[in-house]
Each structure stands twice: as structure tokens, then as C-alpha cells.
Amino acid sequence: MKALVLTIPLLLLTGCVQTPLPQSDHALDWHTFGVESALEGKMALSEARLFKLAEPRDLSANLVASYQAGYQEGKQQYCQQNAYMLGVIGKPYYGICDDVDPFFKQDYLSGKMSTAGGL
């Protein structure tokens, strides 16, 4: 029982882990980081959040812009997938397509609630 009590908080913490920022100052690395973040369905990091996560390092405006451009590119790809099937296969959805397709979340929830995933 004690092991269960100790394990649950650790499991909750693992869900909050942020993908580490690129350690390089190469714009392509930051662009790729943005694309990959969006393709994983993660919400975009704000400029303020990027600066906070990068401390004590200073980020250039160019690196932030590269991340943002990459994120938009990845988001466009992510939001083109079938939201219903995303729900059927049990992938999480964090709302990144809500401003692109007003029906994406509804389709995702329909898929999540369907019995098709058990076939």
C-alpha cells in the first residue's frame, strides 16, 4: 500500500514534464523543436514561457521566431489528421486545433466515446 501511495505522485509528475528546449543557438534546431512540439499535440509555448524555461541563457528573437514558425508548420500538419480517429486510438488532445477547425474537438470526442477503438 505504501508503494502505491508513493507511486501515484510520481506518475502525476511525469505527465507535467516539458520537453527540454534545444541547447544550441541554431535556428533550425528551434524550428524543428517547434514542429515536433506541435506534431505531439502540445500547446505552443509563449514567448515569456520560452524565456523563462531557457534561463539563465538568453534567447535571441531569431530563435523564438524560429520556434514559432516551426510550431505553426507542425500545427498545420497536426490539425489535418482525422480527429475522430485520433480519439478512437486514444491519443490525447490538448486543444491546439480549436482555432483552426471548430469541429476538431467535437470529432475527437466522438471518436473517443465510440466503441470503434475496441474492434
PDB file of N, CA and C in Angstrom:
ATOM      1  N   MET A   1       0.825  -1.202   0.000  1.00  0.00           N
ATOM      2  CA  MET A   1       0.000   0.000   0.000  1.00  0.00           C
ATOM      3  C   MET A   1       0.868   1.264   0.000  1.00  0.00           C
ATOM      4  N   LYS A   2       1.960   1.221   0.788  1.00  0.00           N
ATOM      5  CA  LYS A   2       2.856   2.379   0.831  1.00  0.00           C
ATOM      6  C   LYS A   2       3.471   2.643  -0.540  1.00  0.00           C
ATOM      7  N   ALA A   3       3.788   1.560  -1.248  1.00  0.00           N
ATOM      8  CA  ALA A   3       4.376   1.724  -2.579  1.00  0.00           C
ATOM      9  C   ALA A   3       3.404   2.416  -3.520  1.00  0.00           C
ATOM     10  N   LEU A   4       2.122   2.072  -3.409  1.00  0.00           N
ATOM     11  CA  LEU A   4       1.105   2.693  -4.252  1.00  0.00           C
ATOM     12  C   LEU A   4       0.985   4.181  -3.947  1.00  0.00           C
ATOM     13  N   VAL A   5       1.008   4.521  -2.668  1.00  0.00           N
ATOM     14  CA  VAL A   5       0.901   5.917  -2.256  1.00  0.00           C
ATOM     15  C   VAL A   5       2.095   6.719  -2.775  1.00  0.00           C
ATOM     16  N   LEU A   6       3.265   6.115  -2.809  1.00  0.00           N
ATOM     17  CA  LEU A   6       4.452   6.803  -3.303  1.00  0.00           C
ATOM     18  C   LEU A   6       4.500   6.851  -4.825  1.00  0.00           C
ATOM     19  N   THR A   7       3.911   5.876  -5.486  1.00  0.00           N
ATOM     20  CA  THR A   7       3.957   5.789  -6.940  1.00  0.00           C
ATOM     21  C   THR A   7       3.019   6.784  -7.612  1.00  0.00           C
ATOM     22  N   ILE A   8       1.855   6.990  -7.053  1.00  0.00           N
ATOM     23  CA  ILE A   8       0.855   7.866  -7.676  1.00  0.00           C
ATOM     24  C   ILE A   8       1.384   9.283  -7.889  1.00  0.00           C
ATOM     25  N   PRO A   9       2.005   9.928  -6.882  1.00  0.00           N
ATOM     26  CA  PRO A   9       2.532  11.279  -7.151  1.00  0.00           C
ATOM     27  C   PRO A   9       3.598  11.298  -8.244  1.00  0.00           C
ATOM     28  N   LEU A  10       4.412  10.255  -8.317  1.00  0.00           N
ATOM     29  CA  LEU A  10       5.426  10.199  -9.370  1.00  0.00           C
ATOM     30  C   LEU A  10       4.793  10.106 -10.745  1.00  0.00           C
ATOM     31  N   LEU A  11       3.724   9.333 -10.861  1.00  0.00           N
ATOM     32  CA  LEU A  11       3.022   9.230 -12.136  1.00  0.00           C
ATOM     33  C   LEU A  11       2.408  10.563 -12.534  1.00  0.00           C
ATOM     34  N   LEU A  12       1.883  11.276 -11.569  1.00  0.00           N
ATOM     35  CA  LEU A  12       1.295  12.584 -11.859  1.00  0.00           C
ATOM     36  C   LEU A  12       2.362  13.570 -12.316  1.00  0.00           C
ATOM     37  N   LEU A  13       3.528  13.504 -11.722  1.00  0.00           N
ATOM     38  CA  LEU A  13       4.608  14.413 -12.111  1.00  0.00           C
ATOM     39  C   LEU A  13       5.122  14.131 -13.511  1.00  0.00           C
ATOM     40  N   THR A  14       5.138  12.875 -13.926  1.00  0.00           N
ATOM     41  CA  THR A  14       5.643  12.567 -15.259  1.00  0.00           C
ATOM     42  C   THR A  14       4.760  13.162 -16.342  1.00  0.00           C
ATOM     43  N   GLY A  15       3.496  13.375 -16.067  1.00  0.00           N
ATOM     44  CA  GLY A  15       2.606  13.992 -17.040  1.00  0.00           C
ATOM     45  C   GLY A  15       2.886  15.472 -17.231  1.00  0.00           C
ATOM     46  N   CYS A  16       3.620  16.070 -16.310  1.00  0.00           N
ATOM     47  CA  CYS A  16       3.898  17.501 -16.356  1.00  0.00           C
ATOM     48  C   CYS A  16       5.271  17.821 -16.940  1.00  0.00           C
ATOM     49  N   VAL A  17       6.000  16.822 -17.339  1.00  0.00           N
ATOM     50  CA  VAL A  17       7.354  17.033 -17.835  1.00  0.00           C
ATOM     51  C   VAL A  17       7.312  17.730 -19.191  1.00  0.00           C
ATOM     52  N   GLN A  18       8.064  18.789 -19.296  1.00  0.00           N
ATOM     53  CA  GLN A  18       8.164  19.549 -20.538  1.00  0.00           C
ATOM     54  C   GLN A  18       9.349  19.034 -21.334  1.00  0.00           C
ATOM     55  N   THR A  19       9.176  18.893 -22.627  1.00  0.00           N
ATOM     56  CA  THR A  19      10.291  18.513 -23.480  1.00  0.00           C
ATOM     57  C   THR A  19      11.377  19.567 -23.331  1.00  0.00           C
ATOM     58  N   PRO A  20      12.625  19.140 -23.116  1.00  0.00           N
ATOM     59  CA  PRO A  20      13.686  20.135 -22.941  1.00  0.00           C
ATOM     60  C   PRO A  20      13.889  20.988 -24.189  1.00  0.00           C
ATOM     61  N   LEU A  21      14.217  22.230 -23.951  1.00  0.00           N
ATOM     62  CA  LEU A  21      14.495  23.153 -25.051  1.00  0.00           C
ATOM     63  C   LEU A  21      15.795  22.758 -25.740  1.00  0.00           C
ATOM     64  N   PRO A  22      15.930  23.103 -27.003  1.00  0.00           N
ATOM     65  CA  PRO A  22      17.208  22.864 -27.680  1.00  0.00           C
ATOM     66  C   PRO A  22      18.329  23.621 -26.961  1.00  0.00           C
ATOM     67  N   GLN A  23      19.467  23.006 -26.878  1.00  0.00           N
ATOM     68  CA  GLN A  23      20.600  23.642 -26.206  1.00  0.00           C
ATOM     69  C   GLN A  23      21.466  24.456 -27.165  1.00  0.00           C
ATOM     70  N   SER A  24      21.200  24.326 -28.437  1.00  0.00           N
ATOM     71  CA  SER A  24      22.009  25.049 -29.424  1.00  0.00           C
ATOM     72  C   SER A  24      21.402  26.417 -29.725  1.00  0.00           C
ATOM     73  N   ASP A  25      22.175  27.217 -30.401  1.00  0.00           N
ATOM     74  CA  ASP A  25      21.708  28.524 -30.859  1.00  0.00           C
ATOM     75  C   ASP A  25      21.474  28.514 -32.364  1.00  0.00           C
ATOM     76  N   HIS A  26      21.184  27.343 -32.903  1.00  0.00           N
ATOM     77  CA  HIS A  26      20.914  27.205 -34.334  1.00  0.00           C
ATOM     78  C   HIS A  26      19.410  27.318 -34.571  1.00  0.00           C
ATOM     79  N   ALA A  27      19.022  28.205 -35.444  1.00  0.00           N
ATOM     80  CA  ALA A  27      17.603  28.439 -35.726  1.00  0.00           C
ATOM     81  C   ALA A  27      16.904  27.165 -36.195  1.00  0.00           C
ATOM     82  N   LEU A  28      17.593  26.330 -36.960  1.00  0.00           N
ATOM     83  CA  LEU A  28      16.985  25.094 -37.458  1.00  0.00           C
ATOM     84  C   LEU A  28      16.592  24.164 -36.309  1.00  0.00           C
ATOM     85  N   ASP A  29      17.402  24.101 -35.256  1.00  0.00           N
ATOM     86  CA  ASP A  29      17.071  23.267 -34.096  1.00  0.00           C
ATOM     87  C   ASP A  29      15.802  23.769 -33.412  1.00  0.00           C
ATOM     88  N   TRP A  30      15.660  25.075 -33.324  1.00  0.00           N
ATOM     89  CA  TRP A  30      14.477  25.654 -32.693  1.00  0.00           C
ATOM     90  C   TRP A  30      13.245  25.482 -33.581  1.00  0.00           C
ATOM     91  N   HIS A  31      13.430  25.569 -34.870  1.00  0.00           N
ATOM     92  CA  HIS A  31      12.336  25.333 -35.810  1.00  0.00           C
ATOM     93  C   HIS A  31      11.861  23.887 -35.671  1.00  0.00           C
ATOM     94  N   THR A  32      12.798  22.951 -35.646  1.00  0.00           N
ATOM     95  CA  THR A  32      12.471  21.532 -35.503  1.00  0.00           C
ATOM     96  C   THR A  32      11.772  21.268 -34.177  1.00  0.00           C
ATOM     97  N   PHE A  33      12.231  21.904 -33.118  1.00  0.00           N
ATOM     98  CA  PHE A  33      11.597  21.775 -31.805  1.00  0.00           C
ATOM     99  C   PHE A  33      10.141  22.233 -31.873  1.00  0.00           C
ATOM    100  N   GLY A  34       9.881  23.327 -32.556  1.00  0.00           N
ATOM    101  CA  GLY A  34       8.514  23.818 -32.713  1.00  0.00           C
ATOM    102  C   GLY A  34       7.650  22.850 -33.495  1.00  0.00           C
ATOM    103  N   VAL A  35       8.169  22.334 -34.607  1.00  0.00           N
ATOM    104  CA  VAL A  35       7.426  21.365 -35.422  1.00  0.00           C
ATOM    105  C   VAL A  35       7.093  20.139 -34.588  1.00  0.00           C
ATOM    106  N   GLU A  36       8.085  19.584 -33.906  1.00  0.00           N
ATOM    107  CA  GLU A  36       7.881  18.361 -33.133  1.00  0.00           C
ATOM    108  C   GLU A  36       6.901  18.567 -31.988  1.00  0.00           C
ATOM    109  N   SER A  37       6.960  19.722 -31.340  1.00  0.00           N
ATOM    110  CA  SER A  37       6.024  20.017 -30.251  1.00  0.00           C
ATOM    111  C   SER A  37       4.590  20.015 -30.754  1.00  0.00           C
ATOM    112  N   ALA A  38       4.366  20.649 -31.886  1.00  0.00           N
ATOM    113  CA  ALA A  38       3.017  20.703 -32.457  1.00  0.00           C
ATOM    114  C   ALA A  38       2.563  19.327 -32.920  1.00  0.00           C
ATOM    115  N   LEU A  39       3.453  18.567 -33.535  1.00  0.00           N
ATOM    116  CA  LEU A  39       3.080  17.235 -34.015  1.00  0.00           C
ATOM    117  C   LEU A  39       2.746  16.286 -32.869  1.00  0.00           C
ATOM    118  N   GLU A  40       3.230  16.600 -31.665  1.00  0.00           N
ATOM    119  CA  GLU A  40       2.872  15.829 -30.474  1.00  0.00           C
ATOM    120  C   GLU A  40       1.571  16.340 -29.867  1.00  0.00           C
ATOM    121  N   GLY A  41       1.004  17.390 -30.471  1.00  0.00           N
ATOM    122  CA  GLY A  41      -0.265  17.926 -29.998  1.00  0.00           C
ATOM    123  C   GLY A  41      -0.148  18.873 -28.826  1.00  0.00           C
ATOM    124  N   LYS A  42       1.043  19.306 -28.516  1.00  0.00           N
ATOM    125  CA  LYS A  42       1.254  20.200 -27.382  1.00  0.00           C
ATOM    126  C   LYS A  42       0.848  21.624 -27.740  1.00  0.00           C
ATOM    127  N   MET A  43       0.424  22.356 -26.732  1.00  0.00           N
ATOM    128  CA  MET A  43       0.106  23.766 -26.918  1.00  0.00           C
ATOM    129  C   MET A  43       1.405  24.543 -27.118  1.00  0.00           C
ATOM    130  N   ALA A  44       1.322  25.639 -27.840  1.00  0.00           N
ATOM    131  CA  ALA A  44       2.501  26.469 -28.100  1.00  0.00           C
ATOM    132  C   ALA A  44       2.993  27.099 -26.805  1.00  0.00           C
ATOM    133  N   LEU A  45       4.293  27.194 -26.690  1.00  0.00           N
ATOM    134  CA  LEU A  45       4.893  27.904 -25.568  1.00  0.00           C
ATOM    135  C   LEU A  45       4.920  29.389 -25.911  1.00  0.00           C
ATOM    136  N   SER A  46       4.488  30.206 -24.982  1.00  0.00           N
ATOM    137  CA  SER A  46       4.521  31.654 -25.211  1.00  0.00           C
ATOM    138  C   SER A  46       5.969  32.136 -25.197  1.00  0.00           C
ATOM    139  N   GLU A  47       6.161  33.315 -25.725  1.00  0.00           N
ATOM    140  CA  GLU A  47       7.497  33.907 -25.727  1.00  0.00           C
ATOM    141  C   GLU A  47       8.019  34.034 -24.299  1.00  0.00           C
ATOM    142  N   ALA A  48       7.150  34.471 -23.390  1.00  0.00           N
ATOM    143  CA  ALA A  48       7.551  34.620 -21.988  1.00  0.00           C
ATOM    144  C   ALA A  48       7.938  33.274 -21.385  1.00  0.00           C
ATOM    145  N   ARG A  49       7.179  32.225 -21.722  1.00  0.00           N
ATOM    146  CA  ARG A  49       7.477  30.886 -21.194  1.00  0.00           C
ATOM    147  C   ARG A  49       8.801  30.364 -21.755  1.00  0.00           C
ATOM    148  N   LEU A  50       9.057  30.613 -23.022  1.00  0.00           N
ATOM    149  CA  LEU A  50      10.326  30.200 -23.618  1.00  0.00           C
ATOM    150  C   LEU A  50      11.502  30.865 -22.900  1.00  0.00           C
ATOM    151  N   PHE A  51      11.382  32.168 -22.655  1.00  0.00           N
ATOM    152  CA  PHE A  51      12.455  32.886 -21.965  1.00  0.00           C
ATOM    153  C   PHE A  51      12.655  32.336 -20.552  1.00  0.00           C
ATOM    154  N   LYS A  52      11.550  32.035 -19.871  1.00  0.00           N
ATOM    155  CA  LYS A  52      11.626  31.504 -18.504  1.00  0.00           C
ATOM    156  C   LYS A  52      12.284  30.126 -18.493  1.00  0.00           C
ATOM    157  N   LEU A  53      11.881  29.253 -19.411  1.00  0.00           N
ATOM    158  CA  LEU A  53      12.445  27.906 -19.467  1.00  0.00           C
ATOM    159  C   LEU A  53      13.916  27.909 -19.867  1.00  0.00           C
ATOM    160  N   ALA A  54      14.330  28.914 -20.613  1.00  0.00           N
ATOM    161  CA  ALA A  54      15.709  28.984 -21.101  1.00  0.00           C
ATOM    162  C   ALA A  54      16.681  29.560 -20.071  1.00  0.00           C
ATOM    163  N   GLU A  55      16.160  30.152 -19.001  1.00  0.00           N
ATOM    164  CA  GLU A  55      17.040  30.776 -18.002  1.00  0.00           C
ATOM    165  C   GLU A  55      18.062  29.775 -17.497  1.00  0.00           C
ATOM    166  N   PRO A  56      19.282  30.192 -17.273  1.00  0.00           N
ATOM    167  CA  PRO A  56      19.813  31.555 -17.283  1.00  0.00           C
ATOM    168  C   PRO A  56      20.296  32.002 -18.660  1.00  0.00           C
ATOM    169  N   ARG A  57      20.094  31.177 -19.649  1.00  0.00           N
ATOM    170  CA  ARG A  57      20.529  31.500 -21.008  1.00  0.00           C
ATOM    171  C   ARG A  57      19.645  32.589 -21.612  1.00  0.00           C
ATOM    172  N   ASP A  58      20.209  33.434 -22.440  1.00  0.00           N
ATOM    173  CA  ASP A  58      19.429  34.451 -23.148  1.00  0.00           C
ATOM    174  C   ASP A  58      19.060  33.922 -24.528  1.00  0.00           C
ATOM    175  N   LEU A  59      17.797  34.022 -24.863  1.00  0.00           N
ATOM    176  CA  LEU A  59      17.337  33.616 -26.194  1.00  0.00           C
ATOM    177  C   LEU A  59      17.271  34.832 -27.102  1.00  0.00           C
ATOM    178  N   SER A  60      17.645  34.645 -28.325  1.00  0.00           N
ATOM    179  CA  SER A  60      17.518  35.737 -29.292  1.00  0.00           C
ATOM    180  C   SER A  60      16.107  35.720 -29.869  1.00  0.00           C
ATOM    181  N   ALA A  61      15.695  36.852 -30.377  1.00  0.00           N
ATOM    182  CA  ALA A  61      14.383  36.949 -31.025  1.00  0.00           C
ATOM    183  C   ALA A  61      14.319  36.013 -32.227  1.00  0.00           C
ATOM    184  N   ASN A  62      15.450  35.788 -32.876  1.00  0.00           N
ATOM    185  CA  ASN A  62      15.517  34.899 -34.029  1.00  0.00           C
ATOM    186  C   ASN A  62      15.173  33.455 -33.642  1.00  0.00           C
ATOM    187  N   LEU A  63      15.667  32.994 -32.485  1.00  0.00           N
ATOM    188  CA  LEU A  63      15.378  31.626 -32.042  1.00  0.00           C
ATOM    189  C   LEU A  63      13.904  31.471 -31.676  1.00  0.00           C
ATOM    190  N   VAL A  64      13.356  32.478 -31.026  1.00  0.00           N
ATOM    191  CA  VAL A  64      11.931  32.443 -30.673  1.00  0.00           C
ATOM    192  C   VAL A  64      11.087  32.422 -31.944  1.00  0.00           C
ATOM    193  N   ALA A  65      11.438  33.253 -32.912  1.00  0.00           N
ATOM    194  CA  ALA A  65      10.700  33.290 -34.182  1.00  0.00           C
ATOM    195  C   ALA A  65      10.816  31.958 -34.918  1.00  0.00           C
ATOM    196  N   SER A  66      11.978  31.328 -34.848  1.00  0.00           N
ATOM    197  CA  SER A  66      12.161  30.021 -35.493  1.00  0.00           C
ATOM    198  C   SER A  66      11.270  28.971 -34.841  1.00  0.00           C
ATOM    199  N   TYR A  67      11.204  28.983 -33.506  1.00  0.00           N
ATOM    200  CA  TYR A  67      10.308  28.066 -32.790  1.00  0.00           C
ATOM    201  C   TYR A  67       8.859  28.299 -33.215  1.00  0.00           C
ATOM    202  N   GLN A  68       8.447  29.560 -33.222  1.00  0.00           N
ATOM    203  CA  GLN A  68       7.059  29.886 -33.549  1.00  0.00           C
ATOM    204  C   GLN A  68       6.705  29.475 -34.975  1.00  0.00           C
ATOM    205  N   ALA A  69       7.607  29.703 -35.921  1.00  0.00           N
ATOM    206  CA  ALA A  69       7.359  29.304 -37.313  1.00  0.00           C
ATOM    207  C   ALA A  69       7.274  27.787 -37.424  1.00  0.00           C
ATOM    208  N   GLY A  70       8.164  27.093 -36.743  1.00  0.00           N
ATOM    209  CA  GLY A  70       8.130  25.631 -36.751  1.00  0.00           C
ATOM    210  C   GLY A  70       6.864  25.099 -36.118  1.00  0.00           C
ATOM    211  N   TYR A  71       6.451  25.730 -35.028  1.00  0.00           N
ATOM    212  CA  TYR A  71       5.227  25.296 -34.356  1.00  0.00           C
ATOM    213  C   TYR A  71       4.028  25.446 -35.289  1.00  0.00           C
ATOM    214  N   GLN A  72       3.930  26.567 -35.983  1.00  0.00           N
ATOM    215  CA  GLN A  72       2.807  26.779 -36.900  1.00  0.00           C
ATOM    216  C   GLN A  72       2.809  25.747 -38.023  1.00  0.00           C
ATOM    217  N   GLU A  73       3.989  25.413 -38.510  1.00  0.00           N
ATOM    218  CA  GLU A  73       4.109  24.391 -39.554  1.00  0.00           C
ATOM    219  C   GLU A  73       3.630  23.032 -39.032  1.00  0.00           C
ATOM    220  N   GLY A  74       4.082  22.661 -37.847  1.00  0.00           N
ATOM    221  CA  GLY A  74       3.671  21.391 -37.251  1.00  0.00           C
ATOM    222  C   GLY A  74       2.195  21.368 -36.900  1.00  0.00           C
ATOM    223  N   LYS A  75       1.689  22.499 -36.439  1.00  0.00           N
ATOM    224  CA  LYS A  75       0.272  22.598 -36.085  1.00  0.00           C
ATOM    225  C   LYS A  75      -0.599  22.385 -37.316  1.00  0.00           C
ATOM    226  N   GLN A  76      -0.188  22.966 -38.426  1.00  0.00           N
ATOM    227  CA  GLN A  76      -0.948  22.800 -39.667  1.00  0.00           C
ATOM    228  C   GLN A  76      -1.031  21.316 -40.037  1.00  0.00           C
ATOM    229  N   GLN A  77       0.081  20.607 -39.907  1.00  0.00           N
ATOM    230  CA  GLN A  77       0.092  19.169 -40.200  1.00  0.00           C
ATOM    231  C   GLN A  77      -0.765  18.398 -39.201  1.00  0.00           C
ATOM    232  N   TYR A  78      -0.609  18.709 -37.922  1.00  0.00           N
ATOM    233  CA  TYR A  78      -1.342  18.009 -36.867  1.00  0.00           C
ATOM    234  C   TYR A  78      -2.848  18.156 -37.057  1.00  0.00           C
ATOM    235  N   CYS A  79      -3.284  19.353 -37.386  1.00  0.00           N
ATOM    236  CA  CYS A  79      -4.719  19.632 -37.488  1.00  0.00           C
ATOM    237  C   CYS A  79      -5.345  19.093 -38.772  1.00  0.00           C
ATOM    238  N   GLN A  80      -4.537  18.555 -39.677  1.00  0.00           N
ATOM    239  CA  GLN A  80      -5.074  17.947 -40.893  1.00  0.00           C
ATOM    240  C   GLN A  80      -5.426  16.475 -40.691  1.00  0.00           C
ATOM    241  N   GLN A  81      -5.004  15.897 -39.570  1.00  0.00           N
ATOM    242  CA  GLN A  81      -5.307  14.485 -39.350  1.00  0.00           C
ATOM    243  C   GLN A  81      -6.774  14.301 -38.986  1.00  0.00           C
ATOM    244  N   ASN A  82      -7.231  13.077 -39.033  1.00  0.00           N
ATOM    245  CA  ASN A  82      -8.610  12.739 -38.734  1.00  0.00           C
ATOM    246  C   ASN A  82      -8.817  12.774 -37.220  1.00  0.00           C
ATOM    247  N   ALA A  83      -9.531  13.781 -36.735  1.00  0.00           N
ATOM    248  CA  ALA A  83      -9.740  13.958 -35.301  1.00  0.00           C
ATOM    249  C   ALA A  83     -10.519  12.795 -34.700  1.00  0.00           C
ATOM    250  N   TYR A  84     -11.473  12.264 -35.443  1.00  0.00           N
ATOM    251  CA  TYR A  84     -12.262  11.128 -34.963  1.00  0.00           C
ATOM    252  C   TYR A  84     -11.340   9.939 -34.676  1.00  0.00           C
ATOM    253  N   MET A  85     -10.441   9.643 -35.617  1.00  0.00           N
ATOM    254  CA  MET A  85      -9.523   8.513 -35.446  1.00  0.00           C
ATOM    255  C   MET A  85      -8.529   8.773 -34.316  1.00  0.00           C
ATOM    256  N   LEU A  86      -8.145  10.012 -34.131  1.00  0.00           N
ATOM    257  CA  LEU A  86      -7.267  10.371 -33.023  1.00  0.00           C
ATOM    258  C   LEU A  86      -7.926   9.977 -31.697  1.00  0.00           C
ATOM    259  N   GLY A  87      -9.221  10.244 -31.593  1.00  0.00           N
ATOM    260  CA  GLY A  87      -9.965   9.856 -30.400  1.00  0.00           C
ATOM    261  C   GLY A  87     -10.138   8.359 -30.278  1.00  0.00           C
ATOM    262  N   VAL A  88     -10.411   7.694 -31.400  1.00  0.00           N
ATOM    263  CA  VAL A  88     -10.612   6.237 -31.396  1.00  0.00           C
ATOM    264  C   VAL A  88      -9.371   5.523 -30.868  1.00  0.00           C
ATOM    265  N   ILE A  89      -8.196   5.955 -31.308  1.00  0.00           N
ATOM    266  CA  ILE A  89      -6.978   5.256 -30.890  1.00  0.00           C
ATOM    267  C   ILE A  89      -6.486   5.707 -29.516  1.00  0.00           C
ATOM    268  N   GLY A  90      -7.199   6.649 -28.905  1.00  0.00           N
ATOM    269  CA  GLY A  90      -6.902   7.034 -27.533  1.00  0.00           C
ATOM    270  C   GLY A  90      -5.771   8.019 -27.345  1.00  0.00           C
ATOM    271  N   LYS A  91      -5.397   8.717 -28.391  1.00  0.00           N
ATOM    272  CA  LYS A  91      -4.355   9.741 -28.262  1.00  0.00           C
ATOM    273  C   LYS A  91      -4.944  10.946 -27.522  1.00  0.00           C
ATOM    274  N   PRO A  92      -4.139  11.619 -26.705  1.00  0.00           N
ATOM    275  CA  PRO A  92      -4.654  12.809 -26.024  1.00  0.00           C
ATOM    276  C   PRO A  92      -4.800  13.980 -26.991  1.00  0.00           C
ATOM    277  N   TYR A  93      -5.728  14.864 -26.681  1.00  0.00           N
ATOM    278  CA  TYR A  93      -5.912  16.080 -27.473  1.00  0.00           C
ATOM    279  C   TYR A  93      -5.946  17.254 -26.513  1.00  0.00           C
ATOM    280  N   TYR A  94      -5.064  18.223 -26.732  1.00  0.00           N
ATOM    281  CA  TYR A  94      -4.920  19.355 -25.819  1.00  0.00           C
ATOM    282  C   TYR A  94      -5.528  20.653 -26.344  1.00  0.00           C
ATOM    283  N   GLY A  95      -6.216  20.597 -27.472  1.00  0.00           N
ATOM    284  CA  GLY A  95      -6.926  21.776 -27.959  1.00  0.00           C
ATOM    285  C   GLY A  95      -6.177  22.649 -28.941  1.00  0.00           C
ATOM    286  N   ILE A  96      -5.094  22.149 -29.539  1.00  0.00           N
ATOM    287  CA  ILE A  96      -4.312  23.037 -30.403  1.00  0.00           C
ATOM    288  C   ILE A  96      -5.007  23.373 -31.718  1.00  0.00           C
ATOM    289  N   CYS A  97      -6.029  22.628 -32.079  1.00  0.00           N
ATOM    290  CA  CYS A  97      -6.708  22.874 -33.359  1.00  0.00           C
ATOM    291  C   CYS A  97      -8.015  23.647 -33.200  1.00  0.00           C
ATOM    292  N   ASP A  98      -8.349  24.023 -31.983  1.00  0.00           N
ATOM    293  CA  ASP A  98      -9.635  24.679 -31.738  1.00  0.00           C
ATOM    294  C   ASP A  98      -9.802  25.966 -32.540  1.00  0.00           C
ATOM    295  N   ASP A  99      -8.712  26.685 -32.792  1.00  0.00           N
ATOM    296  CA  ASP A  99      -8.815  27.933 -33.552  1.00  0.00           C
ATOM    297  C   ASP A  99      -8.711  27.706 -35.060  1.00  0.00           C
ATOM    298  N   VAL A 100      -8.373  26.498 -35.469  1.00  0.00           N
ATOM    299  CA  VAL A 100      -8.226  26.157 -36.884  1.00  0.00           C
ATOM    300  C   VAL A 100      -9.495  25.506 -37.419  1.00  0.00           C
ATOM    301  N   ASP A 101     -10.028  24.562 -36.642  1.00  0.00           N
ATOM    302  CA  ASP A 101     -11.210  23.797 -37.047  1.00  0.00           C
ATOM    303  C   ASP A 101     -12.149  23.703 -35.854  1.00  0.00           C
ATOM    304  N   PRO A 102     -13.261  24.432 -35.880  1.00  0.00           N
ATOM    305  CA  PRO A 102     -14.161  24.439 -34.725  1.00  0.00           C
ATOM    306  C   PRO A 102     -14.792  23.076 -34.435  1.00  0.00           C
ATOM    307  N   PHE A 103     -14.703  22.142 -35.371  1.00  0.00           N
ATOM    308  CA  PHE A 103     -15.299  20.821 -35.172  1.00  0.00           C
ATOM    309  C   PHE A 103     -14.278  19.762 -34.773  1.00  0.00           C
ATOM    310  N   PHE A 104     -13.003  20.130 -34.729  1.00  0.00           N
ATOM    311  CA  PHE A 104     -11.950  19.158 -34.440  1.00  0.00           C
ATOM    312  C   PHE A 104     -12.172  18.501 -33.079  1.00  0.00           C
ATOM    313  N   LYS A 105     -12.394  19.298 -32.050  1.00  0.00           N
ATOM    314  CA  LYS A 105     -12.577  18.757 -30.699  1.00  0.00           C
ATOM    315  C   LYS A 105     -13.826  17.893 -30.625  1.00  0.00           C
ATOM    316  N   GLN A 106     -14.892  18.334 -31.256  1.00  0.00           N
ATOM    317  CA  GLN A 106     -16.139  17.566 -31.260  1.00  0.00           C
ATOM    318  C   GLN A 106     -15.924  16.214 -31.943  1.00  0.00           C
ATOM    319  N   ASP A 107     -15.229  16.212 -33.073  1.00  0.00           N
ATOM    320  CA  ASP A 107     -14.940  14.961 -33.776  1.00  0.00           C
ATOM    321  C   ASP A 107     -14.035  14.065 -32.934  1.00  0.00           C
ATOM    322  N   TYR A 108     -13.051  14.670 -32.280  1.00  0.00           N
ATOM    323  CA  TYR A 108     -12.148  13.912 -31.408  1.00  0.00           C
ATOM    324  C   TYR A 108     -12.938  13.243 -30.280  1.00  0.00           C
ATOM    325  N   LEU A 109     -13.806  14.012 -29.622  1.00  0.00           N
ATOM    326  CA  LEU A 109     -14.594  13.459 -28.518  1.00  0.00           C
ATOM    327  C   LEU A 109     -15.537  12.360 -28.996  1.00  0.00           C
ATOM    328  N   SER A 110     -16.105  12.527 -30.182  1.00  0.00           N
ATOM    329  CA  SER A 110     -16.959  11.473 -30.749  1.00  0.00           C
ATOM    330  C   SER A 110     -16.159  10.192 -30.938  1.00  0.00           C
ATOM    331  N   GLY A 111     -14.953  10.318 -31.447  1.00  0.00           N
ATOM    332  CA  GLY A 111     -14.096   9.151 -31.629  1.00  0.00           C
ATOM    333  C   GLY A 111     -13.690   8.530 -30.310  1.00  0.00           C
ATOM    334  N   LYS A 112     -13.413   9.369 -29.338  1.00  0.00           N
ATOM    335  CA  LYS A 112     -13.002   8.879 -28.019  1.00  0.00           C
ATOM    336  C   LYS A 112     -14.130   8.103 -27.346  1.00  0.00           C
ATOM    337  N   MET A 113     -15.367   8.547 -27.566  1.00  0.00           N
ATOM    338  CA  MET A 113     -16.520   7.898 -26.940  1.00  0.00           C
ATOM    339  C   MET A 113     -17.044   6.710 -27.742  1.00  0.00           C
ATOM    340  N   SER A 114     -16.553   6.542 -28.953  1.00  0.00           N
ATOM    341  CA  SER A 114     -17.066   5.457 -29.797  1.00  0.00           C
ATOM    342  C   SER A 114     -16.538   4.110 -29.325  1.00  0.00           C
ATOM    343  N   THR A 115     -17.161   3.074 -29.807  1.00  0.00           N
ATOM    344  CA  THR A 115     -16.718   1.713 -29.492  1.00  0.00           C
ATOM    345  C   THR A 115     -15.784   1.186 -30.571  1.00  0.00           C
ATOM    346  N   ALA A 116     -15.467   1.993 -31.566  1.00  0.00           N
ATOM    347  CA  ALA A 116     -14.622   1.546 -32.677  1.00  0.00           C
ATOM    348  C   ALA A 116     -13.216   1.177 -32.219  1.00  0.00           C
ATOM    349  N   GLY A 117     -12.738   1.792 -31.150  1.00  0.00           N
ATOM    350  CA  GLY A 117     -11.392   1.512 -30.670  1.00  0.00           C
ATOM    351  C   GLY A 117     -11.225   0.108 -30.125  1.00  0.00           C
ATOM    352  N   GLY A 118     -12.309  -0.531 -29.746  1.00  0.00           N
ATOM    353  CA  GLY A 118     -12.230  -1.875 -29.188  1.00  0.00           C
ATOM    354  C   GLY A 118     -12.335  -2.969 -30.217  1.00  0.00           C
ATOM    355  N   LEU A 119     -12.476  -2.614 -31.487  1.00  0.00           N
ATOM    356  CA  LEU A 119     -12.625  -3.635 -32.523  1.00  0.00           C
ATOM    357  C   LEU A 119     -11.324  -4.278 -32.874  1.00  0.00           C
TER     358      LEU A 119
END
